[in-house]
Amino acid sequence: MRKIKRRRQPSPALVVTATAVCVISLVIISNLITMRRSRINAKVEIADPPIETIDAQIKKVSPAFNIPDGEVERAAVRVREASALAMGLTLLAVNEALASRSILNVETLLTRFVSRHLLPPGIKPHNSKGTFESVYAVIYVRYRTDPLAVEIVSIGRNKPDGPPIIARIATGSDENAGATLFLARQINDVAIPEPFAQTSRMTAMNWSIEPMRERSFSAQELDQINGWLRSRSVGN
């Protein structure tokens, strides 16, 4: 009979060593793969995001939206500016008078108006005394203490800015009392009337006349103005 050769079995120490080597090799290979993937991701992240790129292309292709801009639109902006100034300056004058801090001249009126940050948006002081300015106009302020009246004269900077505009708030018992808006019927060679001219004279000088509709007085504001009128009537 032939003798059966027995295979030599590896020693336990060799098995453990081989297993350890395999595990370590797998770990190293896994780390290498992970590092390579990380590098690839980093390169991808550096590239411009596709959404932002598309947005940029759309902005380049899309036509710009044009806001209507002409004589009518600019004149409407100037009417709002003049009306807001007339209202604000009148209320300031009334409040100061009720607080026994009466304003005697236009320079003081404008100084207090500006120092209290009451200027409407888009309007700023001009270099000349008693004057404001905006994008479309140079604005002159006229002020009268007795009877109280404020007049805003808005002159367009250029022809497309529209005709001269006057916004007036006046107290008293004559035809000039009230909140009135005057618009010149032409742009060139317009004669600017003297301060607080009679309504009949404004009509004769080719100015159209209409109520100031840009803003209504609140009940509290009407009470303040009525208080001013009562105090003036008592004083006289």
Protein backbone atom coordinates (compact mmCIF):
# COMPACT_ATOMS: atom_id res chain seq x y z
CA MET A 1 0.00 0.00 0.00
CA ARG A 2 1.10 3.49 -0.81
CA LYS A 3 1.63 5.82 2.05
CA ILE A 4 -0.65 8.93 1.99
CA LYS A 5 1.39 12.09 2.18
CA ARG A 6 -0.01 14.55 4.62
CA ARG A 7 -0.01 18.18 3.58
CA ARG A 8 1.89 20.41 5.83
CA GLN A 9 -0.48 22.78 7.56
CA PRO A 10 0.70 26.37 8.07
CA SER A 11 1.49 27.33 11.55
CA PRO A 12 -0.96 29.59 13.45
CA ALA A 13 1.59 32.37 13.53
CA LEU A 14 1.85 32.35 9.75
CA VAL A 15 -1.93 32.48 9.37
CA VAL A 16 -2.21 35.46 11.67
CA THR A 17 0.61 37.26 9.89
CA ALA A 18 -0.89 36.66 6.45
CA THR A 19 -4.31 37.81 7.62
CA ALA A 20 -2.85 40.96 9.10
CA VAL A 21 -0.99 41.72 5.89
CA CYS A 22 -4.18 41.30 3.85
CA VAL A 23 -6.19 43.55 6.16
CA ILE A 24 -3.51 46.23 6.12
CA SER A 25 -3.29 46.02 2.34
CA LEU A 26 -7.05 46.41 2.00
CA VAL A 27 -7.02 49.43 4.31
CA ILE A 28 -4.22 51.07 2.33
CA ILE A 29 -5.95 50.40 -0.99
CA SER A 30 -9.25 51.73 0.39
CA ASN A 31 -7.58 54.92 1.60
CA LEU A 32 -5.93 55.45 -1.77
CA ILE A 33 -9.26 55.07 -3.54
CA THR A 34 -10.92 57.49 -1.09
CA MET A 35 -8.17 60.08 -1.53
CA ARG A 36 -8.45 59.88 -5.30
CA ARG A 37 -12.21 60.35 -5.13
CA SER A 38 -11.74 63.35 -2.83
CA ARG A 39 -9.39 64.94 -5.32
CA ILE A 40 -11.87 64.42 -8.11
CA ASN A 41 -14.67 66.00 -6.03
CA ALA A 42 -12.48 68.96 -5.19
CA LYS A 43 -11.85 69.59 -8.86
CA VAL A 44 -15.57 69.43 -9.57
CA GLU A 45 -16.41 71.88 -6.78
CA ILE A 46 -13.93 74.44 -8.07
CA ALA A 47 -15.82 74.68 -11.36
CA ASP A 48 -18.54 77.34 -11.69
CA PRO A 49 -21.95 76.13 -10.53
CA PRO A 50 -24.10 75.46 -13.58
CA ILE A 51 -27.07 77.42 -12.18
CA GLU A 52 -25.05 80.61 -11.76
CA THR A 53 -23.62 80.19 -15.26
CA ILE A 54 -27.11 79.82 -16.72
CA ASP A 55 -28.33 82.86 -14.78
CA ALA A 56 -25.43 84.91 -16.12
CA GLN A 57 -26.26 83.83 -19.67
CA ILE A 58 -29.91 84.73 -19.19
CA LYS A 59 -28.99 88.18 -17.88
CA LYS A 60 -26.85 88.78 -20.94
CA VAL A 61 -29.57 87.69 -23.34
CA SER A 62 -32.62 89.19 -21.60
CA PRO A 63 -33.45 92.73 -22.78
CA ALA A 64 -33.38 95.49 -20.17
CA PHE A 65 -36.76 96.63 -18.85
CA ASN A 66 -37.24 100.33 -19.61
CA ILE A 67 -39.22 102.43 -17.14
CA PRO A 68 -41.39 105.03 -18.93
CA ASP A 69 -39.43 108.27 -19.01
CA GLY A 70 -40.76 111.36 -20.71
CA GLU A 71 -42.11 114.83 -20.11
CA VAL A 72 -45.36 113.58 -18.57
CA GLU A 73 -43.68 111.10 -16.21
CA ARG A 74 -41.03 113.58 -15.07
CA ALA A 75 -43.60 116.32 -14.56
CA ALA A 76 -45.65 113.92 -12.41
CA VAL A 77 -42.58 113.23 -10.25
CA ARG A 78 -41.99 116.96 -9.84
CA VAL A 79 -45.63 117.56 -8.88
CA ARG A 80 -45.27 114.99 -6.09
CA GLU A 81 -42.02 116.59 -4.93
CA ALA A 82 -43.48 120.10 -4.84
CA SER A 83 -46.68 118.97 -3.11
CA ALA A 84 -44.78 117.02 -0.45
CA LEU A 85 -42.51 119.98 0.27
CA ALA A 86 -45.44 122.40 0.50
CA MET A 87 -47.26 120.12 2.93
CA GLY A 88 -44.22 119.36 5.05
CA LEU A 89 -42.99 122.95 5.34
CA THR A 90 -46.50 124.22 6.17
CA LEU A 91 -46.96 121.67 8.95
CA LEU A 92 -43.53 122.46 10.36
CA ALA A 93 -44.32 126.17 10.44
CA VAL A 94 -47.65 125.49 12.19
CA ASN A 95 -46.11 123.14 14.77
CA GLU A 96 -43.32 125.59 15.57
CA ALA A 97 -45.81 128.45 15.99
CA LEU A 98 -47.98 126.37 18.34
CA ALA A 99 -44.86 125.58 20.38
CA SER A 100 -43.99 129.31 20.61
CA ARG A 101 -41.04 128.89 18.23
CA SER A 102 -42.38 130.94 15.34
CA ILE A 103 -40.33 130.91 12.13
CA LEU A 104 -39.80 134.41 10.75
CA ASN A 105 -37.97 133.77 7.47
CA VAL A 106 -37.50 131.12 4.81
CA GLU A 107 -33.86 130.42 5.75
CA THR A 108 -34.86 129.41 9.28
CA LEU A 109 -37.74 127.33 7.94
CA LEU A 110 -35.48 125.34 5.62
CA THR A 111 -32.73 124.96 8.22
CA ARG A 112 -35.13 123.39 10.72
CA PHE A 113 -36.75 121.28 8.02
CA VAL A 114 -33.40 119.80 6.95
CA SER A 115 -31.98 119.42 10.47
CA ARG A 116 -35.00 117.34 11.49
CA HIS A 117 -34.56 115.04 8.48
CA LEU A 118 -37.94 115.91 6.96
CA LEU A 119 -36.81 116.14 3.35
CA PRO A 120 -38.80 113.88 0.99
CA PRO A 121 -36.79 111.16 -0.80
CA GLY A 122 -34.78 112.40 -3.77
CA ILE A 123 -34.63 116.04 -2.62
CA LYS A 124 -31.56 117.69 -1.14
CA PRO A 125 -30.44 121.24 -0.29
CA HIS A 126 -29.02 123.35 -3.11
CA ASN A 127 -26.04 125.66 -2.85
CA SER A 128 -28.28 128.74 -3.06
CA LYS A 129 -30.22 129.92 -0.01
CA GLY A 130 -33.88 129.00 0.08
CA THR A 131 -33.39 126.38 -2.62
CA PHE A 132 -33.61 122.61 -2.97
CA GLU A 133 -32.82 120.36 -5.90
CA SER A 134 -33.80 116.96 -7.26
CA VAL A 135 -32.95 114.87 -10.30
CA TYR A 136 -35.32 116.77 -12.57
CA ALA A 137 -35.67 120.20 -10.99
CA VAL A 138 -34.29 123.12 -9.06
CA ILE A 139 -36.82 123.99 -6.35
CA TYR A 140 -37.31 127.44 -4.79
CA VAL A 141 -39.20 127.96 -1.53
CA ARG A 142 -41.25 131.07 -0.74
CA TYR A 143 -42.56 131.70 2.75
CA ARG A 144 -44.94 134.22 4.28
CA THR A 145 -45.78 134.54 7.96
CA ASP A 146 -48.96 136.67 7.90
CA PRO A 147 -51.17 135.17 6.73
CA LEU A 148 -49.23 131.94 6.73
CA ALA A 149 -48.34 130.65 3.27
CA VAL A 150 -45.76 128.39 1.63
CA GLU A 151 -45.07 128.32 -2.07
CA ILE A 152 -42.86 125.82 -3.92
CA VAL A 153 -41.57 126.81 -7.36
CA SER A 154 -40.18 123.83 -9.32
CA ILE A 155 -38.18 124.62 -12.47
CA GLY A 156 -37.20 121.72 -14.72
CA ARG A 157 -33.51 121.27 -15.40
CA ASN A 158 -34.06 120.41 -19.06
CA LYS A 159 -36.88 120.58 -21.58
CA PRO A 160 -37.91 116.91 -21.13
CA ASP A 161 -38.38 117.57 -17.40
CA GLY A 162 -41.63 119.42 -18.08
CA PRO A 163 -42.97 122.96 -17.52
CA PRO A 164 -42.53 125.09 -14.38
CA ILE A 165 -44.74 124.03 -11.46
CA ILE A 166 -45.88 125.94 -8.39
CA ALA A 167 -47.44 124.26 -5.34
CA ARG A 168 -49.00 126.67 -2.85
CA ILE A 169 -50.64 126.33 0.55
CA ALA A 170 -52.01 129.61 1.84
CA THR A 171 -54.22 130.63 4.75
CA GLY A 172 -56.46 133.67 4.81
CA SER A 173 -59.87 134.69 3.59
CA ASP A 174 -59.13 135.73 0.00
CA GLU A 175 -59.17 133.76 -3.24
CA ASN A 176 -55.61 132.50 -2.66
CA ALA A 177 -56.50 130.48 0.46
CA GLY A 178 -56.21 126.72 0.16
CA ALA A 179 -53.92 124.12 -1.38
CA THR A 180 -53.41 124.89 -5.07
CA LEU A 181 -51.27 123.60 -7.89
CA PHE A 182 -50.22 125.85 -10.78
CA LEU A 183 -48.73 124.47 -14.02
CA ALA A 184 -47.29 126.60 -16.80
CA ARG A 185 -48.96 125.94 -20.14
CA GLN A 186 -45.62 126.06 -21.96
CA ILE A 187 -42.02 125.11 -21.26
CA ASN A 188 -39.99 127.86 -22.90
CA ASP A 189 -40.08 131.59 -22.07
CA VAL A 190 -42.33 131.18 -19.04
CA ALA A 191 -42.74 134.22 -16.80
CA ILE A 192 -42.50 133.22 -13.13
CA PRO A 193 -45.03 135.24 -11.10
CA GLU A 194 -44.17 137.21 -7.99
CA PRO A 195 -44.59 135.36 -4.66
CA PHE A 196 -48.19 134.52 -3.76
CA ALA A 197 -49.66 136.24 -6.81
CA GLN A 198 -53.43 136.43 -7.05
CA THR A 199 -55.12 133.52 -8.79
CA SER A 200 -56.56 135.83 -11.43
CA ARG A 201 -53.05 137.06 -12.26
CA MET A 202 -51.79 133.47 -12.54
CA THR A 203 -54.52 132.76 -15.08
CA ALA A 204 -53.64 135.89 -17.04
CA MET A 205 -49.98 134.75 -17.13
CA ASN A 206 -51.04 131.50 -18.85
CA TRP A 207 -50.82 129.16 -15.86
CA SER A 208 -53.39 126.39 -15.35
CA ILE A 209 -54.88 126.05 -11.87
CA GLU A 210 -56.09 122.93 -10.08
CA PRO A 211 -56.48 121.66 -6.50
CA MET A 212 -53.50 119.91 -4.94
CA ARG A 213 -54.54 116.24 -4.96
CA GLU A 214 -51.23 114.56 -4.12
CA ARG A 215 -51.99 114.36 -0.42
CA SER A 216 -54.90 115.08 1.94
CA PHE A 217 -54.57 116.59 5.39
CA SER A 218 -55.31 114.22 8.24
CA ALA A 219 -57.74 115.20 11.00
CA GLN A 220 -54.84 115.93 13.36
CA GLU A 221 -53.11 118.11 10.78
CA LEU A 222 -56.32 120.04 10.15
CA ASP A 223 -56.68 120.63 13.90
CA GLN A 224 -53.14 122.01 14.01
CA ILE A 225 -53.78 124.40 11.14
CA ASN A 226 -57.11 125.49 12.61
CA GLY A 227 -55.37 126.09 15.94
CA TRP A 228 -52.86 128.27 14.14
CA LEU A 229 -55.65 130.24 12.47
CA ARG A 230 -57.46 130.72 15.80
CA SER A 231 -54.31 131.94 17.49
CA ARG A 232 -53.67 134.41 14.67
CA SER A 233 -57.25 135.75 14.81
CA VAL A 234 -57.04 136.22 18.59
CA GLY A 235 -53.73 138.02 18.24
CA ASN A 236 -55.20 140.42 15.70
